[in-house]
PDB file of N, CA and C in Angstrom:
ATOM      1  N   UNK A   1       0.828  -1.185   0.000  1.00  0.00           N
ATOM      2  CA  UNK A   1       0.000   0.000   0.000  1.00  0.00           C
ATOM      3  C   UNK A   1       0.874   1.251   0.000  1.00  0.00           C
ATOM      4  N   UNK A   2       0.364   2.297  -0.619  1.00  0.00           N
ATOM      5  CA  UNK A   2       1.083   3.567  -0.669  1.00  0.00           C
ATOM      6  C   UNK A   2       1.270   4.108   0.743  1.00  0.00           C
ATOM      7  N   UNK A   3       0.231   4.137   1.529  1.00  0.00           N
ATOM      8  CA  UNK A   3       0.320   4.446   2.949  1.00  0.00           C
ATOM      9  C   UNK A   3       0.396   5.918   3.311  1.00  0.00           C
ATOM     10  N   UNK A   4       0.140   6.156   4.569  1.00  0.00           N
ATOM     11  CA  UNK A   4       0.098   7.512   5.112  1.00  0.00           C
ATOM     12  C   UNK A   4       1.470   8.188   5.090  1.00  0.00           C
ATOM     13  N   UNK A   5       2.509   7.460   5.431  1.00  0.00           N
ATOM     14  CA  UNK A   5       3.847   8.069   5.470  1.00  0.00           C
ATOM     15  C   UNK A   5       4.272   8.577   4.096  1.00  0.00           C
ATOM     16  N   UNK A   6       4.034   7.793   3.059  1.00  0.00           N
ATOM     17  CA  UNK A   6       4.373   8.241   1.700  1.00  0.00           C
ATOM     18  C   UNK A   6       3.518   9.443   1.295  1.00  0.00           C
ATOM     19  N   UNK A   7       2.250   9.427   1.690  1.00  0.00           N
ATOM     20  CA  UNK A   7       1.363  10.550   1.374  1.00  0.00           C
ATOM     21  C   UNK A   7       1.866  11.824   2.042  1.00  0.00           C
ATOM     22  N   UNK A   8       2.226  11.731   3.303  1.00  0.00           N
ATOM     23  CA  UNK A   8       2.741  12.904   4.023  1.00  0.00           C
ATOM     24  C   UNK A   8       4.031  13.402   3.389  1.00  0.00           C
ATOM     25  N   UNK A   9       4.917  12.499   3.002  1.00  0.00           N
ATOM     26  CA  UNK A   9       6.152  12.903   2.330  1.00  0.00           C
ATOM     27  C   UNK A   9       5.845  13.647   1.025  1.00  0.00           C
ATOM     28  N   UNK A  10       4.906  13.141   0.253  1.00  0.00           N
ATOM     29  CA  UNK A  10       4.540  13.791  -1.009  1.00  0.00           C
ATOM     30  C   UNK A  10       3.919  15.159  -0.763  1.00  0.00           C
ATOM     31  N   UNK A  11       3.080  15.273   0.258  1.00  0.00           N
ATOM     32  CA  UNK A  11       2.444  16.553   0.575  1.00  0.00           C
ATOM     33  C   UNK A  11       3.450  17.572   1.087  1.00  0.00           C
ATOM     34  N   UNK A  12       4.500  17.111   1.740  1.00  0.00           N
ATOM     35  CA  UNK A  12       5.506  18.015   2.302  1.00  0.00           C
ATOM     36  C   UNK A  12       6.680  18.275   1.367  1.00  0.00           C
ATOM     37  N   UNK A  13       6.648  17.727   0.165  1.00  0.00           N
ATOM     38  CA  UNK A  13       7.747  17.918  -0.781  1.00  0.00           C
ATOM     39  C   UNK A  13       7.985  19.405  -1.059  1.00  0.00           C
ATOM     40  N   UNK A  14       6.936  20.121  -1.384  1.00  0.00           N
ATOM     41  CA  UNK A  14       6.971  21.579  -1.585  1.00  0.00           C
ATOM     42  C   UNK A  14       5.830  22.150  -0.766  1.00  0.00           C
ATOM     43  N   UNK A  15       6.135  22.874   0.287  1.00  0.00           N
ATOM     44  CA  UNK A  15       5.080  23.320   1.195  1.00  0.00           C
ATOM     45  C   UNK A  15       4.377  24.604   0.762  1.00  0.00           C
ATOM     46  N   UNK A  16       5.011  25.396  -0.080  1.00  0.00           N
ATOM     47  CA  UNK A  16       4.412  26.676  -0.483  1.00  0.00           C
ATOM     48  C   UNK A  16       4.073  26.692  -1.966  1.00  0.00           C
ATOM     49  N   UNK A  17       3.319  25.704  -2.407  1.00  0.00           N
ATOM     50  CA  UNK A  17       2.952  25.619  -3.820  1.00  0.00           C
ATOM     51  C   UNK A  17       1.433  25.660  -3.962  1.00  0.00           C
ATOM     52  N   UNK A  18       0.981  25.845  -5.184  1.00  0.00           N
ATOM     53  CA  UNK A  18      -0.450  25.880  -5.465  1.00  0.00           C
ATOM     54  C   UNK A  18      -1.077  24.506  -5.235  1.00  0.00           C
ATOM     55  N   UNK A  19      -2.384  24.461  -5.046  1.00  0.00           N
ATOM     56  CA  UNK A  19      -3.059  23.168  -4.910  1.00  0.00           C
ATOM     57  C   UNK A  19      -2.811  22.255  -6.123  1.00  0.00           C
ATOM     58  N   UNK A  20      -2.759  22.839  -7.313  1.00  0.00           N
ATOM     59  CA  UNK A  20      -2.504  22.048  -8.518  1.00  0.00           C
ATOM     60  C   UNK A  20      -1.135  21.371  -8.461  1.00  0.00           C
ATOM     61  N   UNK A  21      -0.124  22.113  -8.055  1.00  0.00           N
ATOM     62  CA  UNK A  21       1.226  21.561  -7.942  1.00  0.00           C
ATOM     63  C   UNK A  21       1.291  20.511  -6.839  1.00  0.00           C
ATOM     64  N   UNK A  22       0.601  20.753  -5.758  1.00  0.00           N
ATOM     65  CA  UNK A  22       0.553  19.795  -4.662  1.00  0.00           C
ATOM     66  C   UNK A  22      -0.015  18.460  -5.143  1.00  0.00           C
ATOM     67  N   UNK A  23      -1.098  18.522  -5.915  1.00  0.00           N
ATOM     68  CA  UNK A  23      -1.687  17.297  -6.458  1.00  0.00           C
ATOM     69  C   UNK A  23      -0.749  16.621  -7.454  1.00  0.00           C
ATOM     70  N   UNK A  24      -0.031  17.409  -8.251  1.00  0.00           N
ATOM     71  CA  UNK A  24       0.947  16.816  -9.184  1.00  0.00           C
ATOM     72  C   UNK A  24       2.048  16.095  -8.415  1.00  0.00           C
ATOM     73  N   UNK A  25       2.487  16.672  -7.296  1.00  0.00           N
ATOM     74  CA  UNK A  25       3.510  16.019  -6.470  1.00  0.00           C
ATOM     75  C   UNK A  25       3.015  14.677  -5.938  1.00  0.00           C
ATOM     76  N   UNK A  26       1.776  14.660  -5.462  1.00  0.00           N
ATOM     77  CA  UNK A  26       1.216  13.418  -4.928  1.00  0.00           C
ATOM     78  C   UNK A  26       1.077  12.390  -6.045  1.00  0.00           C
ATOM     79  N   UNK A  27       0.563  12.810  -7.193  1.00  0.00           N
ATOM     80  CA  UNK A  27       0.395  11.878  -8.311  1.00  0.00           C
ATOM     81  C   UNK A  27       1.740  11.321  -8.764  1.00  0.00           C
ATOM     82  N   UNK A  28       2.734  12.161  -8.798  1.00  0.00           N
ATOM     83  CA  UNK A  28       4.073  11.720  -9.176  1.00  0.00           C
ATOM     84  C   UNK A  28       4.604  10.674  -8.201  1.00  0.00           C
ATOM     85  N   UNK A  29       4.386  10.904  -6.912  1.00  0.00           N
ATOM     86  CA  UNK A  29       4.828   9.945  -5.899  1.00  0.00           C
ATOM     87  C   UNK A  29       4.083   8.620  -6.035  1.00  0.00           C
ATOM     88  N   UNK A  30       2.797   8.677  -6.322  1.00  0.00           N
ATOM     89  CA  UNK A  30       2.011   7.458  -6.526  1.00  0.00           C
ATOM     90  C   UNK A  30       2.514   6.716  -7.762  1.00  0.00           C
ATOM     91  N   UNK A  31       2.721   7.444  -8.854  1.00  0.00           N
ATOM     92  CA  UNK A  31       3.213   6.822 -10.091  1.00  0.00           C
ATOM     93  C   UNK A  31       4.564   6.151  -9.872  1.00  0.00           C
ATOM     94  N   UNK A  32       5.435   6.811  -9.134  1.00  0.00           N
ATOM     95  CA  UNK A  32       6.757   6.246  -8.840  1.00  0.00           C
ATOM     96  C   UNK A  32       6.625   4.975  -7.993  1.00  0.00           C
ATOM     97  N   UNK A  33       5.726   5.001  -7.031  1.00  0.00           N
ATOM     98  CA  UNK A  33       5.504   3.843  -6.166  1.00  0.00           C
ATOM     99  C   UNK A  33       4.943   2.656  -6.952  1.00  0.00           C
ATOM    100  N   UNK A  34       3.999   2.931  -7.838  1.00  0.00           N
ATOM    101  CA  UNK A  34       3.321   1.880  -8.607  1.00  0.00           C
ATOM    102  C   UNK A  34       4.254   1.260  -9.645  1.00  0.00           C
ATOM    103  N   UNK A  35       5.078   2.088 -10.262  1.00  0.00           N
ATOM    104  CA  UNK A  35       5.986   1.584 -11.292  1.00  0.00           C
ATOM    105  C   UNK A  35       5.225   1.054 -12.492  1.00  0.00           C
ATOM    106  N   UNK A  36       5.556  -0.151 -12.922  1.00  0.00           N
ATOM    107  CA  UNK A  36       4.935  -0.749 -14.100  1.00  0.00           C
ATOM    108  C   UNK A  36       3.708  -1.588 -13.778  1.00  0.00           C
ATOM    109  N   UNK A  37       3.302  -1.618 -12.522  1.00  0.00           N
ATOM    110  CA  UNK A  37       2.145  -2.430 -12.131  1.00  0.00           C
ATOM    111  C   UNK A  37       0.873  -1.891 -12.778  1.00  0.00           C
ATOM    112  N   UNK A  38      -0.013  -2.796 -13.139  1.00  0.00           N
ATOM    113  CA  UNK A  38      -1.275  -2.420 -13.747  1.00  0.00           C
ATOM    114  C   UNK A  38      -2.196  -1.811 -12.692  1.00  0.00           C
ATOM    115  N   UNK A  39      -2.896  -0.724 -13.078  1.00  0.00           N
ATOM    116  CA  UNK A  39      -3.814  -0.073 -12.148  1.00  0.00           C
ATOM    117  C   UNK A  39      -5.032  -0.961 -11.938  1.00  0.00           C
ATOM    118  N   UNK A  40      -5.388  -1.198 -10.677  1.00  0.00           N
ATOM    119  CA  UNK A  40      -6.546  -2.033 -10.377  1.00  0.00           C
ATOM    120  C   UNK A  40      -7.574  -1.314  -9.511  1.00  0.00           C
ATOM    121  N   UNK A  41      -7.316  -0.060  -9.182  1.00  0.00           N
ATOM    122  CA  UNK A  41      -8.253   0.685  -8.348  1.00  0.00           C
ATOM    123  C   UNK A  41      -8.285   2.134  -8.817  1.00  0.00           C
ATOM    124  N   UNK A  42      -9.341   2.840  -8.444  1.00  0.00           N
ATOM    125  CA  UNK A  42      -9.476   4.248  -8.810  1.00  0.00           C
ATOM    126  C   UNK A  42      -8.576   5.115  -7.946  1.00  0.00           C
ATOM    127  N   UNK A  43      -8.282   6.304  -8.466  1.00  0.00           N
ATOM    128  CA  UNK A  43      -7.519   7.287  -7.714  1.00  0.00           C
ATOM    129  C   UNK A  43      -8.265   8.609  -7.812  1.00  0.00           C
ATOM    130  N   UNK A  44      -8.707   9.116  -6.688  1.00  0.00           N
ATOM    131  CA  UNK A  44      -9.406  10.395  -6.641  1.00  0.00           C
ATOM    132  C   UNK A  44      -8.663  11.293  -5.666  1.00  0.00           C
ATOM    133  N   UNK A  45      -8.365  12.513  -6.121  1.00  0.00           N
ATOM    134  CA  UNK A  45      -7.663  13.458  -5.252  1.00  0.00           C
ATOM    135  C   UNK A  45      -8.377  14.801  -5.308  1.00  0.00           C
ATOM    136  N   UNK A  46      -8.377  15.486  -4.177  1.00  0.00           N
ATOM    137  CA  UNK A  46      -8.950  16.817  -4.107  1.00  0.00           C
ATOM    138  C   UNK A  46      -8.092  17.628  -3.144  1.00  0.00           C
ATOM    139  N   UNK A  47      -7.855  18.859  -3.495  1.00  0.00           N
ATOM    140  CA  UNK A  47      -7.068  19.738  -2.648  1.00  0.00           C
ATOM    141  C   UNK A  47      -7.777  21.085  -2.560  1.00  0.00           C
ATOM    142  N   UNK A  48      -7.900  21.600  -1.359  1.00  0.00           N
ATOM    143  CA  UNK A  48      -8.535  22.906  -1.175  1.00  0.00           C
ATOM    144  C   UNK A  48      -7.526  23.859  -0.559  1.00  0.00           C
ATOM    145  N   UNK A  49      -7.622  25.086  -0.968  1.00  0.00           N
ATOM    146  CA  UNK A  49      -6.750  26.130  -0.431  1.00  0.00           C
ATOM    147  C   UNK A  49      -7.583  27.069   0.433  1.00  0.00           C
ATOM    148  N   UNK A  50      -7.174  27.226   1.667  1.00  0.00           N
ATOM    149  CA  UNK A  50      -7.870  28.135   2.583  1.00  0.00           C
ATOM    150  C   UNK A  50      -7.168  29.477   2.541  1.00  0.00           C
ATOM    151  N   UNK A  51      -7.924  30.486   2.203  1.00  0.00           N
ATOM    152  CA  UNK A  51      -7.393  31.856   2.195  1.00  0.00           C
ATOM    153  C   UNK A  51      -8.151  32.636   3.262  1.00  0.00           C
ATOM    154  N   UNK A  52      -7.460  32.954   4.328  1.00  0.00           N
ATOM    155  CA  UNK A  52      -8.115  33.701   5.406  1.00  0.00           C
ATOM    156  C   UNK A  52      -7.892  35.187   5.202  1.00  0.00           C
ATOM    157  N   UNK A  53      -8.751  35.938   5.778  1.00  0.00           N
ATOM    158  CA  UNK A  53      -8.624  37.383   5.675  1.00  0.00           C
ATOM    159  C   UNK A  53      -9.679  38.040   6.532  1.00  0.00           C
ATOM    160  N   UNK A  54      -9.735  39.345   6.438  1.00  0.00           N
ATOM    161  CA  UNK A  54     -10.721  40.096   7.210  1.00  0.00           C
ATOM    162  C   UNK A  54     -12.112  39.884   6.615  1.00  0.00           C
ATOM    163  N   UNK A  55     -13.060  39.636   7.478  1.00  0.00           N
ATOM    164  CA  UNK A  55     -14.454  39.512   7.056  1.00  0.00           C
ATOM    165  C   UNK A  55     -15.160  40.796   7.458  1.00  0.00           C
ATOM    166  N   UNK A  56     -15.803  41.399   6.493  1.00  0.00           N
ATOM    167  CA  UNK A  56     -16.496  42.685   6.757  1.00  0.00           C
ATOM    168  C   UNK A  56     -17.968  42.427   6.929  1.00  0.00           C
TER     169      UNK A  56
END
């Protein structure tokens, strides 16, 4: 299994990047882990960016 530790490593690869880049990093890590193995399950990813600020 890819596992939580690998996921955390992929998420922490670049900490100040856009959500799109963050997802590309995770996908790249998954692809590297899988190698030439045939895909047998779905992969769904979602990333949200929280932008805080003053509420008027």
